[in-house]
Amino acid sequence: MGFFDKLKKSLNKTRENLTNKIEKLIIGYADIDDEFLDELEETLIMADVGVTTTEKLMGAVRKGIKKKEINTPEDLKPFLAKEIASILEQGEDTTRTAKNGPTVLLVIGVNGAGKTTTIGKLSAYYKEQGKSVMLAAADTFRAAAIDQLKVWSQRTGAAFIQHEEGSDPASVAFDAVKAAKARNIDILIVDTAGRLQTKSNLMEELKKINRVISREIPDAPHETLLVLDATTGQNAISQVKLFTKAAPISGVVLTKLDGTAKGGVVIGIKAELSMPVKWIGVGEKVEDLRPFVAEDFANALFQD
């Protein structure tokens, strides 16, 4: 099964929750009236598109009705598909890379979102591309996090930098950057502590890691990726808002899309926060994490 087919399959629950409900709504109405529009609004909110994004989409629908772009309920699905595709295609989705020396990816997120597994899959992806990879275990607060990352380094053939549990995360990042430069590593991926996003010391810790990395490699980290669990729906948007206060996030990795009806949150993240979705996870296998392609996502969401 190709990645697009996997993506389409992984969006089955989201499609049932969003596009299929829109289709059922269209069948149930001969004309567009206030009741129809109220039900459409409720459908979008229930699909975890989010209140703010729903308001934007409903505003576009009402404009479309005035401009005679929407004349019957049947006109609505292609109109919404186009509007949502337009939202998804906004912003820069590609990963930034270094012109010279290691490209540094800093990975953040709460425990349980799939952060360490995501790093392992990123490592496998870049190794598949013929790149040399190093993983740095800067989540020093849990021995399990260090051990788990070490297993991924062994599985993917990536170099590995660690200190003892409880050591300074910034010193791990410093040693990793030095080693990556000395060994001519292409991709350095730095894991960070996944404590709750409300902890203020996390903000200071991330700032310190950023300072240490940028001192050694100008413009690094090139990407600061926030790993989010798609099954949390609107809570994922709250996490983005809180984490952007702690670090300059350049993009989101959305995991577990295959197990949720809340995939509509991708639309909300893009529309409400103007935050690029850089990677999506559609399964447990190593190859199930891939770069986000807006057109593919829109097609998989709206294709019959």
C-alpha atoms as a PDB file:
ATOM      1  CA  MET A   1       0.000   0.000   0.000  1.00  0.00           C
ATOM      2  CA  GLY A   2       1.434   3.401  -1.030  1.00  0.00           C
ATOM      3  CA  PHE A   3       1.581   6.290   1.433  1.00  0.00           C
ATOM      4  CA  PHE A   4      -1.402   8.093  -0.170  1.00  0.00           C
ATOM      5  CA  ASP A   5      -3.552   4.960   0.238  1.00  0.00           C
ATOM      6  CA  LYS A   6      -2.414   4.677   3.863  1.00  0.00           C
ATOM      7  CA  LEU A   7      -3.232   8.346   4.401  1.00  0.00           C
ATOM      8  CA  LYS A   8      -6.678   7.866   2.877  1.00  0.00           C
ATOM      9  CA  LYS A   9      -7.284   4.803   5.059  1.00  0.00           C
ATOM     10  CA  SER A  10      -6.017   6.610   8.175  1.00  0.00           C
ATOM     11  CA  LEU A  11      -8.493   9.438   7.541  1.00  0.00           C
ATOM     12  CA  ASN A  12     -11.498   7.062   7.391  1.00  0.00           C
ATOM     13  CA  LYS A  13     -12.764   8.095  10.847  1.00  0.00           C
ATOM     14  CA  THR A  14     -12.171  11.798  10.148  1.00  0.00           C
ATOM     15  CA  ARG A  15     -13.881  11.494   6.766  1.00  0.00           C
ATOM     16  CA  GLU A  16     -16.870   9.808   8.461  1.00  0.00           C
ATOM     17  CA  ASN A  17     -16.932  12.632  11.005  1.00  0.00           C
ATOM     18  CA  LEU A  18     -16.624  15.480   8.473  1.00  0.00           C
ATOM     19  CA  THR A  19     -17.167  14.879   4.756  1.00  0.00           C
ATOM     20  CA  ASN A  20     -19.646  12.010   5.100  1.00  0.00           C
ATOM     21  CA  LYS A  21     -21.737  14.043   7.554  1.00  0.00           C
ATOM     22  CA  ILE A  22     -21.681  16.991   5.148  1.00  0.00           C
ATOM     23  CA  GLU A  23     -22.908  14.649   2.387  1.00  0.00           C
ATOM     24  CA  LYS A  24     -25.745  13.362   4.598  1.00  0.00           C
ATOM     25  CA  LEU A  25     -26.659  16.956   5.426  1.00  0.00           C
ATOM     26  CA  ILE A  26     -26.762  17.860   1.719  1.00  0.00           C
ATOM     27  CA  ILE A  27     -29.061  14.911   0.957  1.00  0.00           C
ATOM     28  CA  GLY A  28     -31.425  15.985   3.745  1.00  0.00           C
ATOM     29  CA  TYR A  29     -32.056  19.492   2.392  1.00  0.00           C
ATOM     30  CA  ALA A  30     -33.540  20.701  -0.891  1.00  0.00           C
ATOM     31  CA  ASP A  31     -32.583  24.340  -0.238  1.00  0.00           C
ATOM     32  CA  ILE A  32     -30.011  26.273   1.724  1.00  0.00           C
ATOM     33  CA  ASP A  33     -31.726  27.921   4.682  1.00  0.00           C
ATOM     34  CA  ASP A  34     -30.746  29.029   8.196  1.00  0.00           C
ATOM     35  CA  GLU A  35     -31.391  25.576   9.636  1.00  0.00           C
ATOM     36  CA  PHE A  36     -29.130  23.999   7.010  1.00  0.00           C
ATOM     37  CA  LEU A  37     -26.332  26.497   7.793  1.00  0.00           C
ATOM     38  CA  ASP A  38     -26.700  25.903  11.555  1.00  0.00           C
ATOM     39  CA  GLU A  39     -26.333  22.142  11.025  1.00  0.00           C
ATOM     40  CA  LEU A  40     -23.313  22.667   8.780  1.00  0.00           C
ATOM     41  CA  GLU A  41     -21.670  24.832  11.448  1.00  0.00           C
ATOM     42  CA  GLU A  42     -22.315  22.170  14.104  1.00  0.00           C
ATOM     43  CA  THR A  43     -20.849  19.462  11.812  1.00  0.00           C
ATOM     44  CA  LEU A  44     -17.615  21.416  11.342  1.00  0.00           C
ATOM     45  CA  ILE A  45     -17.225  22.085  15.071  1.00  0.00           C
ATOM     46  CA  MET A  46     -17.903  18.429  15.951  1.00  0.00           C
ATOM     47  CA  ALA A  47     -15.198  17.359  13.459  1.00  0.00           C
ATOM     48  CA  ASP A  48     -12.619  19.254  15.571  1.00  0.00           C
ATOM     49  CA  VAL A  49     -12.030  21.884  12.912  1.00  0.00           C
ATOM     50  CA  GLY A  50     -12.359  24.361  15.801  1.00  0.00           C
ATOM     51  CA  VAL A  51     -14.697  27.271  16.525  1.00  0.00           C
ATOM     52  CA  THR A  52     -12.459  29.995  15.024  1.00  0.00           C
ATOM     53  CA  THR A  53     -11.814  28.027  11.820  1.00  0.00           C
ATOM     54  CA  THR A  54     -15.501  27.081  11.560  1.00  0.00           C
ATOM     55  CA  GLU A  55     -16.398  30.780  11.733  1.00  0.00           C
ATOM     56  CA  LYS A  56     -13.950  31.482   8.868  1.00  0.00           C
ATOM     57  CA  LEU A  57     -15.389  28.668   6.759  1.00  0.00           C
ATOM     58  CA  MET A  58     -18.989  29.702   7.469  1.00  0.00           C
ATOM     59  CA  GLY A  59     -18.093  33.286   6.501  1.00  0.00           C
ATOM     60  CA  ALA A  60     -16.713  31.973   3.200  1.00  0.00           C
ATOM     61  CA  VAL A  61     -19.873  29.890   2.636  1.00  0.00           C
ATOM     62  CA  ARG A  62     -22.142  32.889   3.229  1.00  0.00           C
ATOM     63  CA  LYS A  63     -20.039  34.955   0.784  1.00  0.00           C
ATOM     64  CA  GLY A  64     -20.269  32.094  -1.709  1.00  0.00           C
ATOM     65  CA  ILE A  65     -24.048  32.118  -1.406  1.00  0.00           C
ATOM     66  CA  LYS A  66     -24.201  35.896  -1.988  1.00  0.00           C
ATOM     67  CA  LYS A  67     -21.912  35.638  -5.013  1.00  0.00           C
ATOM     68  CA  LYS A  68     -24.058  32.784  -6.406  1.00  0.00           C
ATOM     69  CA  GLU A  69     -21.090  30.400  -6.208  1.00  0.00           C
ATOM     70  CA  ILE A  70     -23.312  28.218  -4.011  1.00  0.00           C
ATOM     71  CA  ASN A  71     -26.877  27.873  -5.269  1.00  0.00           C
ATOM     72  CA  THR A  72     -27.932  24.473  -3.937  1.00  0.00           C
ATOM     73  CA  PRO A  73     -26.798  22.148  -1.108  1.00  0.00           C
ATOM     74  CA  GLU A  74     -24.995  20.039  -3.749  1.00  0.00           C
ATOM     75  CA  ASP A  75     -22.674  22.983  -4.522  1.00  0.00           C
ATOM     76  CA  LEU A  76     -21.469  23.005  -0.935  1.00  0.00           C
ATOM     77  CA  LYS A  77     -19.107  20.007  -0.830  1.00  0.00           C
ATOM     78  CA  PRO A  78     -16.862  21.070  -3.749  1.00  0.00           C
ATOM     79  CA  PHE A  79     -16.899  24.653  -2.391  1.00  0.00           C
ATOM     80  CA  LEU A  80     -15.813  23.541   1.098  1.00  0.00           C
ATOM     81  CA  ALA A  81     -13.241  21.134  -0.349  1.00  0.00           C
ATOM     82  CA  LYS A  82     -11.686  24.047  -2.243  1.00  0.00           C
ATOM     83  CA  GLU A  83     -11.735  26.348   0.813  1.00  0.00           C
ATOM     84  CA  ILE A  84     -10.176  23.714   3.093  1.00  0.00           C
ATOM     85  CA  ALA A  85      -7.529  22.830   0.491  1.00  0.00           C
ATOM     86  CA  SER A  86      -6.690  26.555   0.274  1.00  0.00           C
ATOM     87  CA  ILE A  87      -6.237  26.727   4.081  1.00  0.00           C
ATOM     88  CA  LEU A  88      -4.048  23.613   4.114  1.00  0.00           C
ATOM     89  CA  GLU A  89      -1.806  24.917   1.319  1.00  0.00           C
ATOM     90  CA  GLN A  90      -0.977  28.162   3.143  1.00  0.00           C
ATOM     91  CA  GLY A  91       2.511  28.512   4.654  1.00  0.00           C
ATOM     92  CA  GLU A  92       5.797  26.704   4.217  1.00  0.00           C
ATOM     93  CA  ASP A  93       5.592  22.954   4.888  1.00  0.00           C
ATOM     94  CA  THR A  94       9.075  21.892   3.795  1.00  0.00           C
ATOM     95  CA  THR A  95      11.799  21.243   6.363  1.00  0.00           C
ATOM     96  CA  ARG A  96      14.525  23.898   6.579  1.00  0.00           C
ATOM     97  CA  THR A  97      18.052  22.557   6.179  1.00  0.00           C
ATOM     98  CA  ALA A  98      21.549  23.899   6.816  1.00  0.00           C
ATOM     99  CA  LYS A  99      23.577  25.189   3.869  1.00  0.00           C
ATOM    100  CA  ASN A 100      26.736  23.830   5.481  1.00  0.00           C
ATOM    101  CA  GLY A 101      27.287  21.410   8.341  1.00  0.00           C
ATOM    102  CA  PRO A 102      24.666  19.579  10.384  1.00  0.00           C
ATOM    103  CA  THR A 103      20.948  20.359  10.104  1.00  0.00           C
ATOM    104  CA  VAL A 104      19.673  20.504  13.699  1.00  0.00           C
ATOM    105  CA  LEU A 105      16.125  19.431  14.553  1.00  0.00           C
ATOM    106  CA  LEU A 106      14.956  20.188  18.097  1.00  0.00           C
ATOM    107  CA  VAL A 107      11.948  18.050  19.058  1.00  0.00           C
ATOM    108  CA  ILE A 108       9.564  19.056  21.853  1.00  0.00           C
ATOM    109  CA  GLY A 109       6.176  17.911  23.138  1.00  0.00           C
ATOM    110  CA  VAL A 110       4.367  16.454  26.150  1.00  0.00           C
ATOM    111  CA  ASN A 111       4.949  12.872  27.257  1.00  0.00           C
ATOM    112  CA  GLY A 112       2.599  10.445  25.546  1.00  0.00           C
ATOM    113  CA  ALA A 113       2.336  12.341  22.255  1.00  0.00           C
ATOM    114  CA  GLY A 114       4.769   9.938  20.593  1.00  0.00           C
ATOM    115  CA  LYS A 115       7.827  12.225  20.742  1.00  0.00           C
ATOM    116  CA  THR A 116      10.586   9.620  21.081  1.00  0.00           C
ATOM    117  CA  THR A 117       8.972   7.294  18.535  1.00  0.00           C
ATOM    118  CA  THR A 118       8.687  10.243  16.141  1.00  0.00           C
ATOM    119  CA  ILE A 119      12.415  10.932  16.531  1.00  0.00           C
ATOM    120  CA  GLY A 120      13.143   7.278  15.770  1.00  0.00           C
ATOM    121  CA  LYS A 121      10.995   7.395  12.640  1.00  0.00           C
ATOM    122  CA  LEU A 122      12.615  10.675  11.536  1.00  0.00           C
ATOM    123  CA  SER A 123      15.989   9.002  11.963  1.00  0.00           C
ATOM    124  CA  ALA A 124      14.860   6.077   9.793  1.00  0.00           C
ATOM    125  CA  TYR A 125      13.465   8.464   7.155  1.00  0.00           C
ATOM    126  CA  TYR A 126      16.724  10.422   6.832  1.00  0.00           C
ATOM    127  CA  LYS A 127      18.860   7.261   6.846  1.00  0.00           C
ATOM    128  CA  GLU A 128      16.676   6.007   3.992  1.00  0.00           C
ATOM    129  CA  GLN A 129      17.525   9.253   2.150  1.00  0.00           C
ATOM    130  CA  GLY A 130      21.220   8.402   2.495  1.00  0.00           C
ATOM    131  CA  LYS A 131      21.889  10.955   5.260  1.00  0.00           C
ATOM    132  CA  SER A 132      24.060  10.413   8.323  1.00  0.00           C
ATOM    133  CA  VAL A 133      22.044  10.917  11.526  1.00  0.00           C
ATOM    134  CA  MET A 134      22.857  11.565  15.184  1.00  0.00           C
ATOM    135  CA  LEU A 135      20.361  11.423  18.055  1.00  0.00           C
ATOM    136  CA  ALA A 136      20.919  13.409  21.256  1.00  0.00           C
ATOM    137  CA  ALA A 137      19.137  12.369  24.470  1.00  0.00           C
ATOM    138  CA  ALA A 138      18.568  15.794  26.042  1.00  0.00           C
ATOM    139  CA  ASP A 139      15.467  14.518  27.883  1.00  0.00           C
ATOM    140  CA  THR A 140      17.622  13.665  30.886  1.00  0.00           C
ATOM    141  CA  PHE A 141      14.794  13.592  33.438  1.00  0.00           C
ATOM    142  CA  ARG A 142      13.697  10.045  32.619  1.00  0.00           C
ATOM    143  CA  ALA A 143      16.095   7.127  32.252  1.00  0.00           C
ATOM    144  CA  ALA A 144      13.405   5.421  30.156  1.00  0.00           C
ATOM    145  CA  ALA A 145      13.511   8.269  27.603  1.00  0.00           C
ATOM    146  CA  ILE A 146      17.291   7.891  27.208  1.00  0.00           C
ATOM    147  CA  ASP A 147      17.012   4.097  26.893  1.00  0.00           C
ATOM    148  CA  GLN A 148      14.171   4.295  24.382  1.00  0.00           C
ATOM    149  CA  LEU A 149      16.107   6.746  22.198  1.00  0.00           C
ATOM    150  CA  LYS A 150      19.201   4.535  22.394  1.00  0.00           C
ATOM    151  CA  VAL A 151      17.175   1.583  21.089  1.00  0.00           C
ATOM    152  CA  TRP A 152      16.002   3.722  18.149  1.00  0.00           C
ATOM    153  CA  SER A 153      19.593   4.761  17.392  1.00  0.00           C
ATOM    154  CA  GLN A 154      20.582   1.084  17.273  1.00  0.00           C
ATOM    155  CA  ARG A 155      17.595   0.161  15.104  1.00  0.00           C
ATOM    156  CA  THR A 156      18.244   2.926  12.579  1.00  0.00           C
ATOM    157  CA  GLY A 157      22.040   2.943  12.678  1.00  0.00           C
ATOM    158  CA  ALA A 158      22.213   6.520  13.969  1.00  0.00           C
ATOM    159  CA  ALA A 159      25.037   7.857  16.149  1.00  0.00           C
ATOM    160  CA  PHE A 160      23.972   8.501  19.750  1.00  0.00           C
ATOM    161  CA  ILE A 161      24.954  11.064  22.397  1.00  0.00           C
ATOM    162  CA  GLN A 162      23.830  10.731  26.025  1.00  0.00           C
ATOM    163  CA  HIS A 163      24.755  11.847  29.546  1.00  0.00           C
ATOM    164  CA  GLU A 164      23.610  10.360  32.832  1.00  0.00           C
ATOM    165  CA  GLU A 165      20.008  10.733  34.001  1.00  0.00           C
ATOM    166  CA  GLY A 166      19.472  14.103  35.701  1.00  0.00           C
ATOM    167  CA  SER A 167      22.345  15.882  33.954  1.00  0.00           C
ATOM    168  CA  ASP A 168      22.006  19.290  32.300  1.00  0.00           C
ATOM    169  CA  PRO A 169      20.043  18.939  29.011  1.00  0.00           C
ATOM    170  CA  ALA A 170      21.919  21.903  27.469  1.00  0.00           C
ATOM    171  CA  SER A 171      25.254  20.165  28.063  1.00  0.00           C
ATOM    172  CA  VAL A 172      23.965  17.121  26.139  1.00  0.00           C
ATOM    173  CA  ALA A 173      22.941  19.412  23.281  1.00  0.00           C
ATOM    174  CA  PHE A 174      26.368  21.117  23.393  1.00  0.00           C
ATOM    175  CA  ASP A 175      28.275  17.820  23.222  1.00  0.00           C
ATOM    176  CA  ALA A 176      25.979  16.564  20.442  1.00  0.00           C
ATOM    177  CA  VAL A 177      26.544  19.674  18.314  1.00  0.00           C
ATOM    178  CA  LYS A 178      30.337  19.422  18.807  1.00  0.00           C
ATOM    179  CA  ALA A 179      30.296  15.717  17.889  1.00  0.00           C
ATOM    180  CA  ALA A 180      27.985  16.248  14.887  1.00  0.00           C
ATOM    181  CA  LYS A 181      30.330  18.914  13.503  1.00  0.00           C
ATOM    182  CA  ALA A 182      33.449  16.799  14.122  1.00  0.00           C
ATOM    183  CA  ARG A 183      31.923  13.718  12.449  1.00  0.00           C
ATOM    184  CA  ASN A 184      30.354  15.616   9.526  1.00  0.00           C
ATOM    185  CA  ILE A 185      26.857  14.441  10.470  1.00  0.00           C
ATOM    186  CA  ASP A 186      24.050  15.550   8.122  1.00  0.00           C
ATOM    187  CA  ILE A 187      21.107  15.509  10.558  1.00  0.00           C
ATOM    188  CA  LEU A 188      21.256  16.026  14.336  1.00  0.00           C
ATOM    189  CA  ILE A 189      17.964  15.363  16.145  1.00  0.00           C
ATOM    190  CA  VAL A 190      17.779  16.577  19.751  1.00  0.00           C
ATOM    191  CA  ASP A 191      15.166  15.125  22.109  1.00  0.00           C
ATOM    192  CA  THR A 192      13.945  17.366  24.943  1.00  0.00           C
ATOM    193  CA  ALA A 193      11.998  16.825  28.162  1.00  0.00           C
ATOM    194  CA  GLY A 194       8.317  16.085  27.686  1.00  0.00           C
ATOM    195  CA  ARG A 195       7.059  17.530  30.931  1.00  0.00           C
ATOM    196  CA  LEU A 196       3.724  19.311  31.054  1.00  0.00           C
ATOM    197  CA  GLN A 197       3.735  22.483  28.973  1.00  0.00           C
ATOM    198  CA  THR A 198       2.594  24.612  31.917  1.00  0.00           C
ATOM    199  CA  LYS A 199       5.925  24.224  33.771  1.00  0.00           C
ATOM    200  CA  SER A 200       7.785  27.536  33.567  1.00  0.00           C
ATOM    201  CA  ASN A 201      11.239  25.924  34.001  1.00  0.00           C
ATOM    202  CA  LEU A 202      10.691  24.116  30.690  1.00  0.00           C
ATOM    203  CA  MET A 203      10.703  27.525  28.990  1.00  0.00           C
ATOM    204  CA  GLU A 204      14.067  28.433  30.529  1.00  0.00           C
ATOM    205  CA  GLU A 205      15.505  25.023  29.696  1.00  0.00           C
ATOM    206  CA  LEU A 206      14.488  25.277  26.028  1.00  0.00           C
ATOM    207  CA  LYS A 207      15.902  28.816  25.798  1.00  0.00           C
ATOM    208  CA  LYS A 208      19.212  27.553  27.203  1.00  0.00           C
ATOM    209  CA  ILE A 209      19.341  24.637  24.726  1.00  0.00           C
ATOM    210  CA  ASN A 210      18.590  27.056  21.880  1.00  0.00           C
ATOM    211  CA  ARG A 211      21.378  29.401  22.998  1.00  0.00           C
ATOM    212  CA  VAL A 212      23.937  26.587  23.250  1.00  0.00           C
ATOM    213  CA  ILE A 213      23.062  25.200  19.809  1.00  0.00           C
ATOM    214  CA  SER A 214      22.972  28.571  18.011  1.00  0.00           C
ATOM    215  CA  ARG A 215      26.321  29.568  19.514  1.00  0.00           C
ATOM    216  CA  GLU A 216      27.959  26.563  17.841  1.00  0.00           C
ATOM    217  CA  ILE A 217      25.918  26.539  14.621  1.00  0.00           C
ATOM    218  CA  PRO A 218      24.492  29.887  13.437  1.00  0.00           C
ATOM    219  CA  ASP A 219      20.804  29.654  12.361  1.00  0.00           C
ATOM    220  CA  ALA A 220      20.397  26.422  14.354  1.00  0.00           C
ATOM    221  CA  PRO A 221      18.193  24.807  15.422  1.00  0.00           C
ATOM    222  CA  HIS A 222      16.924  24.852  11.835  1.00  0.00           C
ATOM    223  CA  GLU A 223      13.630  23.297  12.906  1.00  0.00           C
ATOM    224  CA  THR A 224      11.897  23.215  16.287  1.00  0.00           C
ATOM    225  CA  LEU A 225       9.211  20.585  15.871  1.00  0.00           C
ATOM    226  CA  LEU A 226       6.289  20.178  18.265  1.00  0.00           C
ATOM    227  CA  VAL A 227       4.926  16.617  18.366  1.00  0.00           C
ATOM    228  CA  LEU A 228       1.155  16.495  18.858  1.00  0.00           C
ATOM    229  CA  ASP A 229      -1.211  13.572  19.314  1.00  0.00           C
ATOM    230  CA  ALA A 230      -4.074  13.992  16.795  1.00  0.00           C
ATOM    231  CA  THR A 231      -6.442  12.027  19.054  1.00  0.00           C
ATOM    232  CA  THR A 232      -6.452  14.956  21.523  1.00  0.00           C
ATOM    233  CA  GLY A 233      -8.304  17.141  18.981  1.00  0.00           C
ATOM    234  CA  GLN A 234      -8.705  20.733  20.111  1.00  0.00           C
ATOM    235  CA  ASN A 235      -6.332  20.164  23.018  1.00  0.00           C
ATOM    236  CA  ALA A 236      -3.577  19.952  20.382  1.00  0.00           C
ATOM    237  CA  ILE A 237      -4.284  23.579  19.436  1.00  0.00           C
ATOM    238  CA  SER A 238      -4.036  24.595  23.115  1.00  0.00           C
ATOM    239  CA  GLN A 239      -0.653  22.831  23.313  1.00  0.00           C
ATOM    240  CA  VAL A 240       0.635  24.765  20.283  1.00  0.00           C
ATOM    241  CA  LYS A 241      -0.394  28.051  21.903  1.00  0.00           C
ATOM    242  CA  LEU A 242       1.340  27.175  25.185  1.00  0.00           C
ATOM    243  CA  PHE A 243       4.512  25.769  23.636  1.00  0.00           C
ATOM    244  CA  THR A 244       4.995  28.778  21.345  1.00  0.00           C
ATOM    245  CA  LYS A 245       5.514  30.778  24.547  1.00  0.00           C
ATOM    246  CA  ALA A 246       8.411  28.487  25.461  1.00  0.00           C
ATOM    247  CA  ALA A 247      10.115  28.066  22.089  1.00  0.00           C
ATOM    248  CA  PRO A 248      10.025  29.468  18.545  1.00  0.00           C
ATOM    249  CA  ILE A 249       8.217  26.484  16.999  1.00  0.00           C
ATOM    250  CA  SER A 250       8.751  26.180  13.250  1.00  0.00           C
ATOM    251  CA  GLY A 251       6.283  23.367  12.644  1.00  0.00           C
ATOM    252  CA  VAL A 252       4.141  20.555  13.967  1.00  0.00           C
ATOM    253  CA  VAL A 253       4.382  16.767  13.733  1.00  0.00           C
ATOM    254  CA  LEU A 254       0.890  15.282  14.028  1.00  0.00           C
ATOM    255  CA  THR A 255       0.916  11.637  15.139  1.00  0.00           C
ATOM    256  CA  LYS A 256      -1.785   8.937  15.435  1.00  0.00           C
ATOM    257  CA  LEU A 257      -3.987  10.228  12.603  1.00  0.00           C
ATOM    258  CA  ASP A 258      -4.926   6.609  11.884  1.00  0.00           C
ATOM    259  CA  GLY A 259      -6.666   6.180  15.240  1.00  0.00           C
ATOM    260  CA  THR A 260      -8.831   9.287  15.395  1.00  0.00           C
ATOM    261  CA  ALA A 261     -11.946  10.985  14.031  1.00  0.00           C
ATOM    262  CA  LYS A 262     -10.347  14.312  14.990  1.00  0.00           C
ATOM    263  CA  GLY A 263      -8.057  14.742  11.965  1.00  0.00           C
ATOM    264  CA  GLY A 264      -9.932  17.971  11.245  1.00  0.00           C
ATOM    265  CA  VAL A 265      -7.602  19.535  13.818  1.00  0.00           C
ATOM    266  CA  VAL A 266      -5.012  19.814  11.006  1.00  0.00           C
ATOM    267  CA  ILE A 267      -7.266  22.437   9.393  1.00  0.00           C
ATOM    268  CA  GLY A 268      -7.593  24.270  12.724  1.00  0.00           C
ATOM    269  CA  ILE A 269      -3.829  24.322  13.341  1.00  0.00           C
ATOM    270  CA  LYS A 270      -3.252  25.839   9.890  1.00  0.00           C
ATOM    271  CA  ALA A 271      -6.145  28.315   9.878  1.00  0.00           C
ATOM    272  CA  GLU A 272      -6.150  29.494  13.480  1.00  0.00           C
ATOM    273  CA  LEU A 273      -2.437  29.464  14.262  1.00  0.00           C
ATOM    274  CA  SER A 274      -0.791  29.767  10.825  1.00  0.00           C
ATOM    275  CA  MET A 275       1.439  26.947  12.028  1.00  0.00           C
ATOM    276  CA  PRO A 276       2.958  24.684   9.361  1.00  0.00           C
ATOM    277  CA  VAL A 277       2.234  20.964   9.699  1.00  0.00           C
ATOM    278  CA  LYS A 278       5.571  19.453   8.624  1.00  0.00           C
ATOM    279  CA  TRP A 279       5.082  15.717   9.250  1.00  0.00           C
ATOM    280  CA  ILE A 280       2.157  13.362   9.788  1.00  0.00           C
ATOM    281  CA  GLY A 281       2.008   9.873  11.267  1.00  0.00           C
ATOM    282  CA  VAL A 282      -0.538   7.422   9.860  1.00  0.00           C
ATOM    283  CA  GLY A 283       0.449   4.188  11.599  1.00  0.00           C
ATOM    284  CA  GLU A 284       2.899   2.355  13.828  1.00  0.00           C
ATOM    285  CA  LYS A 285       5.398   1.257  11.177  1.00  0.00           C
ATOM    286  CA  VAL A 286       8.652   3.166  10.668  1.00  0.00           C
ATOM    287  CA  GLU A 287       7.618   4.206   7.145  1.00  0.00           C
ATOM    288  CA  ASP A 288       4.263   5.571   8.385  1.00  0.00           C
ATOM    289  CA  LEU A 289       5.742   8.986   9.260  1.00  0.00           C
ATOM    290  CA  ARG A 290       6.113  11.176   6.186  1.00  0.00           C
ATOM    291  CA  PRO A 291       6.306  14.879   5.235  1.00  0.00           C
ATOM    292  CA  PHE A 292       2.893  16.576   5.141  1.00  0.00           C
ATOM    293  CA  VAL A 293       1.654  17.350   1.626  1.00  0.00           C
ATOM    294  CA  ALA A 294      -1.390  19.655   1.767  1.00  0.00           C
ATOM    295  CA  GLU A 295      -2.820  18.585  -1.602  1.00  0.00           C
ATOM    296  CA  ASP A 296      -2.589  14.888  -0.720  1.00  0.00           C
ATOM    297  CA  PHE A 297      -4.276  15.473   2.646  1.00  0.00           C
ATOM    298  CA  ALA A 298      -7.139  17.457   1.069  1.00  0.00           C
ATOM    299  CA  ASN A 299      -7.614  14.807  -1.642  1.00  0.00           C
ATOM    300  CA  ALA A 300      -7.581  11.976   0.907  1.00  0.00           C
ATOM    301  CA  LEU A 301     -10.131  13.832   3.050  1.00  0.00           C
ATOM    302  CA  PHE A 302     -12.589  14.606   0.253  1.00  0.00           C
ATOM    303  CA  GLN A 303     -12.109  11.750  -2.228  1.00  0.00           C
ATOM    304  CA  ASP A 304     -14.905   9.211  -2.407  1.00  0.00           C
END
